[in-house]
Protein backbone atom coordinates (compact mmCIF):
# COMPACT_ATOMS: atom_id res chain seq x y z
CA MET A 1 24.90 124.66 120.28
CA ARG A 2 24.06 125.40 124.04
CA LYS A 3 24.23 129.07 122.84
CA TYR A 4 21.31 128.59 120.11
CA PRO A 5 18.38 127.27 121.93
CA GLU A 6 16.47 127.89 118.79
CA LEU A 7 18.22 125.39 116.84
CA CYS A 8 18.71 122.50 119.41
CA ASP A 9 15.27 121.06 119.18
CA ARG A 10 15.32 121.24 115.21
CA VAL A 11 16.74 118.64 112.86
CA PHE A 12 19.90 119.63 110.72
CA VAL A 13 19.79 118.19 107.49
CA LEU A 14 22.92 118.25 105.46
CA GLY A 15 23.41 116.97 102.04
CA VAL A 16 26.84 115.71 101.15
CA GLY A 17 26.38 115.08 97.36
CA ALA A 18 27.32 113.72 95.18
CA GLN A 19 27.83 116.46 92.75
CA ARG A 20 25.75 116.07 89.26
CA SER A 21 23.26 113.60 91.59
CA GLY A 22 20.20 115.74 91.95
CA THR A 23 21.29 117.73 94.85
CA SER A 24 20.38 120.75 93.24
CA TRP A 25 16.32 119.47 92.68
CA LEU A 26 16.69 118.17 96.35
CA HIS A 27 17.55 121.47 97.60
CA THR A 28 14.41 123.11 95.95
CA TYR A 29 12.36 120.22 97.11
CA LEU A 30 13.19 120.43 100.59
CA ALA A 31 12.87 124.06 100.65
CA SER A 32 9.42 123.88 99.18
CA HIS A 33 8.28 122.40 102.50
CA THR A 34 6.94 125.28 104.92
CA CYS A 35 8.73 123.74 107.90
CA VAL A 36 12.19 123.29 106.35
CA TYR A 37 14.58 126.25 105.94
CA MET A 38 17.32 125.41 103.34
CA SER A 39 20.02 127.76 102.90
CA GLU A 40 19.43 130.53 100.34
CA ILE A 41 22.93 129.96 99.22
CA LYS A 42 22.59 126.33 98.22
CA GLU A 43 26.15 125.24 98.41
CA LEU A 44 27.80 126.91 101.37
CA HIS A 45 31.23 125.26 101.20
CA TYR A 46 31.88 125.87 104.81
CA PHE A 47 33.51 122.33 106.10
CA ASN A 48 35.41 121.88 102.97
CA ALA A 49 36.86 125.18 103.28
CA LEU A 50 37.75 124.54 106.84
CA TRP A 51 39.43 121.49 105.94
CA ASN A 52 41.08 122.28 102.62
CA GLU A 53 43.26 125.56 102.16
CA LYS A 54 42.72 125.29 98.26
CA HIS A 55 39.02 125.22 98.74
CA ARG A 56 38.91 128.26 101.28
CA ARG A 57 40.74 130.31 98.77
CA TYR A 58 38.57 129.27 95.72
CA ALA A 59 35.38 129.88 98.17
CA TYR A 60 36.30 133.05 99.28
CA ASP A 61 36.69 134.45 95.75
CA GLN A 62 33.65 132.94 94.26
CA PHE A 63 31.42 134.43 97.46
CA ALA A 64 33.36 137.66 97.26
CA LEU A 65 32.64 137.90 93.68
CA ALA A 66 28.93 136.83 94.18
CA LEU A 67 28.58 139.60 96.91
CA ARG A 68 29.77 142.30 94.41
CA GLN A 69 27.22 141.02 91.85
CA LEU A 70 24.55 141.39 94.36
CA GLU A 71 25.48 144.61 95.56
CA GLN A 72 24.96 145.78 91.83
CA GLY A 73 21.71 144.09 91.39
CA ILE A 74 23.25 141.32 89.24
CA HIS A 75 22.46 137.64 89.39
CA ARG A 76 25.48 135.60 88.59
CA SER A 77 23.95 134.89 85.22
CA GLY A 78 24.47 138.81 84.44
CA SER A 79 20.53 139.47 84.41
CA ALA A 80 19.11 141.97 86.89
CA LEU A 81 17.72 141.12 90.40
CA PRO A 82 14.46 142.55 91.84
CA SER A 83 15.81 144.84 94.76
CA GLU A 84 14.26 142.75 97.74
CA VAL A 85 15.96 139.55 96.06
CA ALA A 86 19.23 141.25 95.78
CA ALA A 87 18.97 142.68 99.27
CA GLN A 88 18.28 139.28 100.75
CA GLY A 89 21.46 137.71 98.53
CA VAL A 90 23.42 140.45 99.72
CA ARG A 91 22.67 140.05 103.31
CA ALA A 92 23.06 135.89 103.02
CA MET A 93 26.74 136.33 101.20
CA ARG A 94 28.07 138.90 103.78
CA ASP A 95 26.86 136.21 106.35
CA ARG A 96 28.63 133.45 104.48
CA LEU A 97 31.87 135.51 104.08
CA ALA A 98 31.51 136.45 108.08
CA MET A 99 32.36 132.49 108.32
CA PHE A 100 35.90 132.95 106.95
CA GLU A 101 36.86 135.15 109.94
CA HIS A 102 34.48 134.17 112.74
CA GLY A 103 34.44 130.15 112.11
CA ASP A 104 31.76 127.82 113.60
CA GLN A 105 29.85 130.73 115.18
CA ALA A 106 29.27 132.83 112.32
CA TYR A 107 28.11 129.25 110.36
CA ILE A 108 25.56 128.62 113.06
CA ASP A 109 24.58 132.28 113.21
CA PHE A 110 23.68 131.91 109.54
CA PHE A 111 21.04 129.49 110.39
CA SER A 112 19.86 131.02 113.91
CA ARG A 113 19.08 134.20 112.14
CA ARG A 114 16.68 132.59 109.57
CA VAL A 115 15.07 129.66 111.22
CA THR A 116 11.85 130.64 112.55
CA PRO A 117 9.53 129.10 115.20
CA ASP A 118 7.65 127.31 112.38
CA HIS A 119 10.72 125.33 111.06
CA THR A 120 11.33 121.93 112.49
CA HIS A 121 14.12 121.66 109.98
CA PHE A 122 17.26 123.30 108.74
CA GLY A 123 20.37 122.66 106.42
CA GLU A 124 22.26 123.07 103.50
CA ILE A 125 23.65 120.72 100.75
CA THR A 126 27.29 121.17 99.47
CA PRO A 127 28.44 118.03 97.38
CA ALA A 128 32.26 118.89 97.94
CA TYR A 129 31.46 117.52 101.67
CA SER A 130 31.42 114.02 99.97
CA MET A 131 35.16 114.45 100.11
CA LEU A 132 35.50 115.35 104.15
CA PRO A 133 37.82 113.45 106.31
CA VAL A 134 36.74 111.53 109.04
CA GLU A 135 38.10 114.46 111.67
CA SER A 136 36.03 117.03 109.74
CA LEU A 137 32.74 114.79 109.80
CA ARG A 138 33.24 114.40 113.55
CA HIS A 139 33.65 118.05 114.34
CA ILE A 140 30.21 118.42 112.21
CA ARG A 141 28.57 115.86 114.72
CA SER A 142 29.86 117.61 117.68
CA LEU A 143 28.34 121.03 116.38
CA PHE A 144 24.91 119.09 115.46
CA PRO A 145 24.33 116.28 117.49
CA ASN A 146 20.37 116.01 116.07
CA ILE A 147 21.80 115.76 112.44
CA LEU A 148 20.63 113.65 109.68
CA ILE A 149 22.80 113.06 106.24
CA VAL A 150 21.71 112.25 102.67
CA PHE A 151 24.25 111.21 100.19
CA LEU A 152 22.89 110.53 96.69
CA MET A 153 24.84 108.74 93.92
CA ARG A 154 24.71 108.41 90.30
CA ASP A 155 26.15 105.81 88.10
CA PRO A 156 29.91 106.63 88.43
CA VAL A 157 30.79 106.84 84.81
CA GLN A 158 27.79 108.74 84.18
CA ARG A 159 28.68 111.19 87.05
CA ILE A 160 32.03 111.95 85.70
CA HIS A 161 30.55 112.48 81.93
CA SER A 162 28.07 114.91 83.54
CA ALA A 163 30.73 116.65 85.45
CA LEU A 164 32.84 117.31 82.40
CA ASN A 165 29.87 118.34 80.34
CA MET A 166 29.08 121.21 83.22
CA ARG A 167 32.55 122.60 82.81
CA GLY A 168 31.21 123.75 79.31
CA PRO A 169 32.18 123.22 75.58
CA THR A 170 36.02 123.73 76.41
CA VAL A 171 35.93 120.32 78.60
CA THR A 172 33.66 117.64 77.23
CA ALA A 173 33.68 114.11 77.39
CA THR A 174 33.39 113.94 73.48
CA THR A 175 36.98 112.42 73.17
CA ASN A 176 38.39 109.55 74.80
CA GLU A 177 41.62 111.62 75.71
CA LYS A 178 39.64 114.15 78.02
CA PHE A 179 37.51 111.32 79.52
CA ARG A 180 40.84 109.50 80.40
CA TRP A 181 42.18 112.90 81.96
CA ALA A 182 39.19 113.06 84.06
CA LEU A 183 39.56 109.49 85.43
CA SER A 184 43.15 110.70 86.96
CA GLU A 185 41.84 114.27 87.62
CA PRO A 186 41.42 114.27 91.68
CA SER A 187 38.78 116.96 91.60
CA ILE A 188 36.50 114.69 89.39
CA LEU A 189 37.56 111.15 90.66
CA GLU A 190 37.48 111.86 94.31
CA ARG A 191 33.66 113.14 93.96
CA THR A 192 33.16 109.78 92.47
CA ARG A 193 34.72 107.63 95.47
CA TYR A 194 31.45 106.58 96.73
CA ASP A 195 33.12 103.89 98.50
CA LEU A 196 35.25 106.22 100.57
CA THR A 197 32.70 108.81 101.29
CA ILE A 198 30.31 106.06 102.72
CA THR A 199 33.07 104.42 104.80
CA ASN A 200 34.04 107.66 106.28
CA LEU A 201 30.69 108.51 107.24
CA ARG A 202 29.69 105.24 108.77
CA LYS A 203 32.75 105.93 110.72
CA VAL A 204 31.27 108.86 112.45
CA PHE A 205 27.47 108.62 112.10
CA PRO A 206 25.13 105.55 113.13
CA GLY A 207 23.27 103.91 110.36
CA GLU A 208 19.79 105.61 111.15
CA ARG A 209 21.49 109.00 110.51
CA LEU A 210 22.33 108.35 107.23
CA PHE A 211 20.16 108.06 103.88
CA PHE A 212 21.55 106.64 100.73
CA GLY A 213 19.63 107.51 97.28
CA PHE A 214 20.43 107.36 93.77
CA TYR A 215 19.74 109.82 90.98
CA GLU A 216 18.37 107.30 88.39
CA THR A 217 15.24 106.39 90.83
CA LEU A 218 14.92 109.76 92.73
CA PHE A 219 12.34 111.46 90.71
CA CYS A 220 9.29 109.63 92.12
CA ASP A 221 6.96 109.34 95.02
CA ALA A 222 8.02 106.14 96.13
CA SER A 223 11.85 107.44 96.44
CA ILE A 224 10.69 110.79 98.10
CA ARG A 225 8.54 109.25 100.29
CA SER A 226 10.96 107.09 101.86
CA MET A 227 13.40 110.03 101.79
CA CYS A 228 10.76 112.25 104.06
CA GLU A 229 9.69 109.40 106.27
CA PHE A 230 13.81 109.26 107.16
CA LEU A 231 14.11 112.97 107.80
CA GLY A 232 10.69 113.06 109.63
CA LEU A 233 8.69 115.16 107.23
CA PRO A 234 5.30 114.92 105.59
CA PHE A 235 5.31 113.78 102.14
CA LYS A 236 4.36 115.83 99.30
CA PRO A 237 5.05 115.07 95.64
CA GLY A 238 7.63 116.70 94.13
CA ASP A 239 8.07 118.44 90.45
CA TYR A 240 9.84 115.27 88.98
CA LYS A 241 10.14 116.79 85.60
CA GLN A 242 12.00 119.88 86.69
CA HIS A 243 15.59 118.96 86.89
CA VAL A 244 17.12 122.06 88.43
CA ASN A 245 20.67 122.84 87.46
CA ALA A 246 20.75 120.04 84.35
CA SER A 247 23.89 120.76 82.48
CA ALA A 248 23.32 121.36 78.55
CA GLY A 249 25.75 118.16 78.49
CA GLN A 250 23.00 115.93 79.26
CA GLN A 251 21.99 116.46 75.64
CA ARG A 252 25.12 116.17 74.20
CA GLY A 253 26.86 112.93 72.34
CA SER A 254 26.66 109.62 74.63
CA LEU A 255 29.90 107.57 76.03
CA SER A 256 31.64 105.65 73.79
CA ALA A 257 32.15 102.21 74.39
CA GLU A 258 35.64 102.82 75.32
CA GLN A 259 34.98 105.59 77.79
CA ILE A 260 32.41 103.21 79.66
CA LYS A 261 35.17 100.32 79.51
CA ALA A 262 38.05 102.95 81.22
CA GLY A 263 35.28 104.21 83.60
CA MET A 264 34.49 101.18 84.75
CA SER A 265 37.98 100.03 85.37
CA ALA A 266 39.15 103.01 86.81
CA LEU A 267 36.25 102.79 89.44
CA ALA A 268 35.88 99.15 89.75
CA GLU A 269 36.30 99.48 93.52
CA THR A 270 33.22 101.79 93.72
CA TYR A 271 31.01 99.42 91.59
CA ALA A 272 31.99 96.55 93.64
CA PHE A 273 31.37 98.48 96.97
CA CYS A 274 28.32 99.92 95.83
CA ARG A 275 27.00 96.30 94.46
CA ARG A 276 27.77 94.60 97.75
CA GLU A 277 26.16 97.35 100.04
CA PHE A 278 23.11 97.81 98.06
CA GLY A 279 22.37 94.94 95.82
CA ALA A 280 18.96 94.93 94.16
CA ALA A 281 18.62 98.64 94.94
CA ILE A 282 21.25 99.35 92.72
CA PRO A 283 19.50 101.10 89.60
CA ALA A 284 19.59 98.69 86.44
CA ASN A 285 21.05 101.33 84.33
CA TRP A 286 24.24 101.39 86.24
CA TYR A 287 27.27 100.19 84.21
CA GLY A 288 29.04 98.22 86.71
């Protein structure tokens, strides 16, 4: 960071999840502050790709595909993009792909090229960072000493339900068999082990650099005011009715009693940990 004085006196905000817990909404909210630069690529997937080769291959393929689409002026949804939006996206994707070759230098360059004198904060949110091991978190701290971490949680069973719905109509939580499969699927279950995520975070970062929040109580002035105070940002109300990246599955069938029971059993350690750590702050509609 000594080579990047334009970043040294600014706060690095890193959102580490959890997936399906309001991170897209939070990214949009933080980006609405004129003093905050949030990566236009919401999920950079840099640190998890450094740590996990499978994540690295998947991330490279996805960003390379996104670049090809942007070069053709096409949004990932298939719709056409205004030329200036496409050009900005192309630059961002090329800078992201450079990280696969140049590593940390390219990651820091990504921000140094975009942070202006008006920005007091900069950052990104990638929910996959909730699965990072301690050594990766230590690496992040070494790069950004002036870092603040935000971790949002959602009722664990409901988080898995939402994650399944996000995968589309071919994988839903409408049958007990598929929900039980999710409870043993590492890519889904590991993202829900809040106890492991929090334990790892606390091994690396002091408590004053960690903010823990809950999806169920996020969308109100009180919660956002508390987060702004933690981040050192002026409070501004959010658009609490706009749930960014909400899955169509949120309108699908509710969980069965059998699914809830199986989920609570599989995630009993997580529920117990959260109750011990957060007590009355746990939202009233959590199952466990």
